[in-house]
Amino acid sequence: MSATLDAAIWGAELAVGESRERIYLVEPTGEIEDDPDLTDKKFPGNPTKSYRSKQPFKVVGEVSIWKSHPAEQVKAMKDALEKLKEKGINSLNE
């Protein structure tokens, strides 16, 4: 979950799968914490306002109109993530 549209757009663009990219408006149903993939390791202080929870999120809407990042920027990000994967670096914490 992110409190910024830009971070949500990145999440949609980098999601695995071939389905249409989607951004949902959600409400937490339990405690949330800073997402360690985007805060502790990469962006101290949580400037992306990215969070996670062990509890489900309630979907309350969808952002249907948003502007994607430039295709070459998305490709560069996906390529960088693939290189990390090849090095055995898993960017997803359990």
N, C-alpha and C. Protein backbone atom coordinates (compact mmCIF):
# COMPACT_ATOMS: atom_id res chain seq x y z
N MET A 1 0.85 -1.16 0.00
CA MET A 1 0.00 0.00 0.00
C MET A 1 0.89 1.23 0.00
N SER A 2 0.48 2.25 -0.73
CA SER A 2 1.23 3.50 -0.76
C SER A 2 0.27 4.67 -0.61
N ALA A 3 0.74 5.72 0.01
CA ALA A 3 -0.07 6.93 0.16
C ALA A 3 0.22 7.93 -0.96
N THR A 4 1.10 7.57 -1.91
CA THR A 4 1.37 8.46 -3.03
C THR A 4 0.96 7.80 -4.34
N LEU A 5 0.42 8.59 -5.25
CA LEU A 5 0.00 8.05 -6.54
C LEU A 5 1.20 7.57 -7.33
N ASP A 6 2.33 8.29 -7.28
CA ASP A 6 3.50 7.87 -8.05
C ASP A 6 3.97 6.48 -7.64
N ALA A 7 4.04 6.23 -6.34
CA ALA A 7 4.45 4.90 -5.87
C ALA A 7 3.43 3.84 -6.27
N ALA A 8 2.16 4.19 -6.24
CA ALA A 8 1.11 3.25 -6.66
C ALA A 8 1.24 2.93 -8.14
N ILE A 9 1.56 3.94 -8.94
CA ILE A 9 1.74 3.71 -10.38
C ILE A 9 2.91 2.76 -10.61
N TRP A 10 4.03 2.99 -9.89
CA TRP A 10 5.17 2.07 -10.02
C TRP A 10 4.76 0.66 -9.63
N GLY A 11 3.99 0.53 -8.58
CA GLY A 11 3.53 -0.80 -8.17
C GLY A 11 2.72 -1.48 -9.25
N ALA A 12 1.84 -0.73 -9.88
CA ALA A 12 1.02 -1.30 -10.96
C ALA A 12 1.89 -1.67 -12.16
N GLU A 13 2.82 -0.81 -12.50
CA GLU A 13 3.66 -1.05 -13.68
C GLU A 13 4.64 -2.20 -13.49
N LEU A 14 5.05 -2.44 -12.26
CA LEU A 14 6.03 -3.50 -11.99
C LEU A 14 5.39 -4.81 -11.53
N ALA A 15 4.08 -4.82 -11.41
CA ALA A 15 3.39 -6.04 -10.98
C ALA A 15 3.61 -7.17 -11.99
N VAL A 16 3.65 -8.38 -11.48
CA VAL A 16 3.83 -9.57 -12.32
C VAL A 16 2.50 -9.92 -12.96
N GLY A 17 2.54 -10.34 -14.21
CA GLY A 17 1.33 -10.79 -14.90
C GLY A 17 1.07 -10.00 -16.15
N GLU A 18 0.10 -10.47 -16.89
CA GLU A 18 -0.23 -9.85 -18.17
C GLU A 18 -1.56 -9.10 -18.14
N SER A 19 -2.22 -9.09 -17.01
CA SER A 19 -3.52 -8.42 -16.90
C SER A 19 -3.34 -6.91 -16.93
N ARG A 20 -4.43 -6.22 -17.09
CA ARG A 20 -4.44 -4.76 -17.09
C ARG A 20 -3.93 -4.25 -15.76
N GLU A 21 -3.12 -3.21 -15.81
CA GLU A 21 -2.59 -2.60 -14.59
C GLU A 21 -3.73 -1.91 -13.85
N ARG A 22 -3.77 -2.08 -12.53
CA ARG A 22 -4.83 -1.49 -11.73
C ARG A 22 -4.27 -0.86 -10.47
N ILE A 23 -4.93 0.20 -10.03
CA ILE A 23 -4.58 0.85 -8.77
C ILE A 23 -5.87 0.97 -7.97
N TYR A 24 -5.88 0.34 -6.81
CA TYR A 24 -7.07 0.36 -5.96
C TYR A 24 -6.90 1.34 -4.81
N LEU A 25 -7.99 1.93 -4.40
CA LEU A 25 -8.04 2.72 -3.17
C LEU A 25 -8.43 1.75 -2.07
N VAL A 26 -7.64 1.73 -1.01
CA VAL A 26 -7.88 0.75 0.06
C VAL A 26 -7.84 1.40 1.43
N GLU A 27 -8.43 0.70 2.36
CA GLU A 27 -8.36 1.06 3.78
C GLU A 27 -7.79 -0.14 4.53
N PRO A 28 -6.85 0.09 5.44
CA PRO A 28 -6.32 -1.03 6.22
C PRO A 28 -7.37 -1.53 7.21
N THR A 29 -7.35 -2.83 7.48
CA THR A 29 -8.26 -3.40 8.48
C THR A 29 -7.51 -3.74 9.77
N GLY A 30 -6.22 -3.49 9.76
CA GLY A 30 -5.39 -3.76 10.94
C GLY A 30 -4.19 -2.83 10.93
N GLU A 31 -3.21 -3.18 11.73
CA GLU A 31 -2.01 -2.36 11.82
C GLU A 31 -1.22 -2.38 10.52
N ILE A 32 -0.61 -1.25 10.19
CA ILE A 32 0.28 -1.16 9.03
C ILE A 32 1.67 -0.79 9.54
N GLU A 33 2.68 -1.13 8.73
CA GLU A 33 4.06 -0.79 9.05
C GLU A 33 4.75 -0.35 7.78
N ASP A 34 5.86 0.39 7.92
CA ASP A 34 6.64 0.79 6.76
C ASP A 34 7.06 -0.44 5.98
N ASP A 35 7.01 -0.37 4.66
CA ASP A 35 7.46 -1.47 3.80
C ASP A 35 8.98 -1.49 3.81
N PRO A 36 9.60 -2.52 4.39
CA PRO A 36 11.06 -2.54 4.50
C PRO A 36 11.79 -2.57 3.16
N ASP A 37 11.15 -3.08 2.10
CA ASP A 37 11.80 -3.08 0.79
C ASP A 37 12.03 -1.67 0.28
N LEU A 38 11.16 -0.76 0.66
CA LEU A 38 11.25 0.60 0.12
C LEU A 38 11.69 1.62 1.14
N THR A 39 11.85 1.22 2.37
CA THR A 39 12.21 2.21 3.39
C THR A 39 13.54 1.89 4.03
N ASP A 40 13.60 0.86 4.83
CA ASP A 40 14.81 0.56 5.58
C ASP A 40 16.05 0.43 4.68
N LYS A 41 15.87 -0.19 3.52
CA LYS A 41 17.01 -0.48 2.67
C LYS A 41 17.28 0.60 1.62
N LYS A 42 16.25 1.19 1.07
CA LYS A 42 16.43 2.06 -0.08
C LYS A 42 16.14 3.53 0.18
N PHE A 43 15.12 3.82 0.94
CA PHE A 43 14.69 5.20 1.13
C PHE A 43 14.39 5.48 2.59
N PRO A 44 15.42 5.66 3.43
CA PRO A 44 15.17 5.91 4.85
C PRO A 44 14.20 7.08 5.06
N GLY A 45 13.32 6.90 6.01
CA GLY A 45 12.33 7.92 6.31
C GLY A 45 11.02 7.73 5.57
N ASN A 46 10.94 6.73 4.71
CA ASN A 46 9.72 6.39 3.97
C ASN A 46 9.17 7.54 3.13
N PRO A 47 9.97 8.15 2.23
CA PRO A 47 9.45 9.22 1.39
C PRO A 47 8.40 8.75 0.38
N THR A 48 8.41 7.44 0.06
CA THR A 48 7.41 6.92 -0.86
C THR A 48 6.08 6.64 -0.17
N LYS A 49 6.08 6.76 1.16
CA LYS A 49 4.89 6.48 1.96
C LYS A 49 4.31 5.10 1.60
N SER A 50 5.20 4.09 1.62
CA SER A 50 4.82 2.72 1.29
C SER A 50 4.72 1.89 2.56
N TYR A 51 3.66 1.08 2.63
CA TYR A 51 3.36 0.33 3.84
C TYR A 51 2.96 -1.09 3.50
N ARG A 52 2.91 -1.93 4.51
CA ARG A 52 2.41 -3.29 4.38
C ARG A 52 1.67 -3.66 5.66
N SER A 53 0.94 -4.77 5.59
CA SER A 53 0.18 -5.23 6.74
C SER A 53 0.01 -6.73 6.65
N LYS A 54 -0.09 -7.37 7.80
CA LYS A 54 -0.41 -8.79 7.83
C LYS A 54 -1.92 -9.00 7.71
N GLN A 55 -2.67 -7.93 7.89
CA GLN A 55 -4.13 -7.98 7.79
C GLN A 55 -4.55 -7.56 6.38
N PRO A 56 -5.73 -7.97 5.93
CA PRO A 56 -6.19 -7.58 4.59
C PRO A 56 -6.50 -6.09 4.51
N PHE A 57 -6.55 -5.60 3.30
CA PHE A 57 -6.99 -4.25 3.03
C PHE A 57 -8.38 -4.30 2.42
N LYS A 58 -9.21 -3.35 2.76
CA LYS A 58 -10.56 -3.27 2.20
C LYS A 58 -10.50 -2.37 0.97
N VAL A 59 -10.91 -2.90 -0.18
CA VAL A 59 -10.95 -2.11 -1.41
C VAL A 59 -12.18 -1.21 -1.36
N VAL A 60 -11.95 0.10 -1.50
CA VAL A 60 -13.06 1.05 -1.44
C VAL A 60 -13.24 1.82 -2.75
N GLY A 61 -12.36 1.58 -3.72
CA GLY A 61 -12.47 2.25 -5.01
C GLY A 61 -11.31 1.88 -5.90
N GLU A 62 -11.26 2.51 -7.06
CA GLU A 62 -10.19 2.28 -8.01
C GLU A 62 -9.83 3.59 -8.68
N VAL A 63 -8.53 3.80 -8.88
CA VAL A 63 -8.07 4.96 -9.65
C VAL A 63 -8.10 4.51 -11.11
N SER A 64 -8.99 5.07 -11.89
CA SER A 64 -9.15 4.60 -13.26
C SER A 64 -8.40 5.45 -14.28
N ILE A 65 -8.00 6.65 -13.89
CA ILE A 65 -7.26 7.52 -14.81
C ILE A 65 -5.94 7.92 -14.14
N TRP A 66 -4.84 7.50 -14.76
CA TRP A 66 -3.52 7.85 -14.28
C TRP A 66 -2.54 7.77 -15.44
N LYS A 67 -1.44 8.51 -15.31
CA LYS A 67 -0.45 8.57 -16.38
C LYS A 67 0.72 7.66 -16.06
N SER A 68 1.02 6.76 -16.98
CA SER A 68 2.15 5.84 -16.81
C SER A 68 3.48 6.57 -16.91
N HIS A 69 4.49 5.97 -16.32
CA HIS A 69 5.85 6.47 -16.52
C HIS A 69 6.25 6.19 -17.97
N PRO A 70 7.22 6.90 -18.51
CA PRO A 70 7.68 6.62 -19.87
C PRO A 70 8.11 5.16 -20.01
N ALA A 71 7.80 4.56 -21.16
CA ALA A 71 8.08 3.13 -21.39
C ALA A 71 9.54 2.79 -21.16
N GLU A 72 10.46 3.66 -21.57
CA GLU A 72 11.88 3.37 -21.39
C GLU A 72 12.27 3.39 -19.91
N GLN A 73 11.60 4.21 -19.11
CA GLN A 73 11.88 4.26 -17.67
C GLN A 73 11.37 2.97 -16.99
N VAL A 74 10.21 2.50 -17.40
CA VAL A 74 9.66 1.25 -16.85
C VAL A 74 10.55 0.09 -17.25
N LYS A 75 10.99 0.06 -18.50
CA LYS A 75 11.87 -1.02 -18.96
C LYS A 75 13.18 -1.01 -18.17
N ALA A 76 13.75 0.16 -17.94
CA ALA A 76 15.00 0.25 -17.17
C ALA A 76 14.80 -0.28 -15.75
N MET A 77 13.68 0.03 -15.14
CA MET A 77 13.39 -0.46 -13.78
C MET A 77 13.22 -1.98 -13.79
N LYS A 78 12.48 -2.50 -14.76
CA LYS A 78 12.29 -3.95 -14.85
C LYS A 78 13.61 -4.66 -15.11
N ASP A 79 14.46 -4.08 -15.97
CA ASP A 79 15.77 -4.67 -16.24
C ASP A 79 16.63 -4.70 -14.98
N ALA A 80 16.59 -3.62 -14.20
CA ALA A 80 17.37 -3.55 -12.95
C ALA A 80 16.88 -4.60 -11.96
N LEU A 81 15.57 -4.78 -11.86
CA LEU A 81 15.01 -5.80 -10.96
C LEU A 81 15.40 -7.20 -11.42
N GLU A 82 15.43 -7.42 -12.73
CA GLU A 82 15.83 -8.72 -13.26
C GLU A 82 17.29 -9.01 -12.94
N LYS A 83 18.15 -8.00 -13.03
CA LYS A 83 19.57 -8.19 -12.70
C LYS A 83 19.73 -8.55 -11.22
N LEU A 84 18.95 -7.93 -10.35
CA LEU A 84 19.00 -8.29 -8.93
C LEU A 84 18.57 -9.74 -8.73
N LYS A 85 17.53 -10.14 -9.45
CA LYS A 85 17.03 -11.51 -9.36
C LYS A 85 18.11 -12.51 -9.81
N GLU A 86 18.80 -12.17 -10.89
CA GLU A 86 19.87 -13.04 -11.40
C GLU A 86 21.01 -13.19 -10.38
N LYS A 87 21.22 -12.16 -9.57
CA LYS A 87 22.25 -12.20 -8.53
C LYS A 87 21.76 -12.88 -7.26
N GLY A 88 20.50 -13.34 -7.29
CA GLY A 88 19.95 -14.02 -6.13
C GLY A 88 19.41 -13.08 -5.07
N ILE A 89 19.21 -11.82 -5.43
CA ILE A 89 18.67 -10.84 -4.49
C ILE A 89 17.17 -10.77 -4.66
N ASN A 90 16.46 -11.25 -3.65
CA ASN A 90 15.00 -11.22 -3.68
C ASN A 90 14.54 -9.95 -3.00
N SER A 91 13.83 -9.09 -3.74
CA SER A 91 13.43 -7.80 -3.18
C SER A 91 12.15 -7.86 -2.36
N LEU A 92 11.56 -9.02 -2.23
CA LEU A 92 10.32 -9.12 -1.48
C LEU A 92 10.56 -9.75 -0.12
N ASN A 93 10.27 -9.03 0.93
CA ASN A 93 10.38 -9.56 2.28
C ASN A 93 9.12 -10.34 2.63
N GLU A 94 9.28 -11.34 3.43
CA GLU A 94 8.12 -12.11 3.90
C GLU A 94 7.53 -11.44 5.09
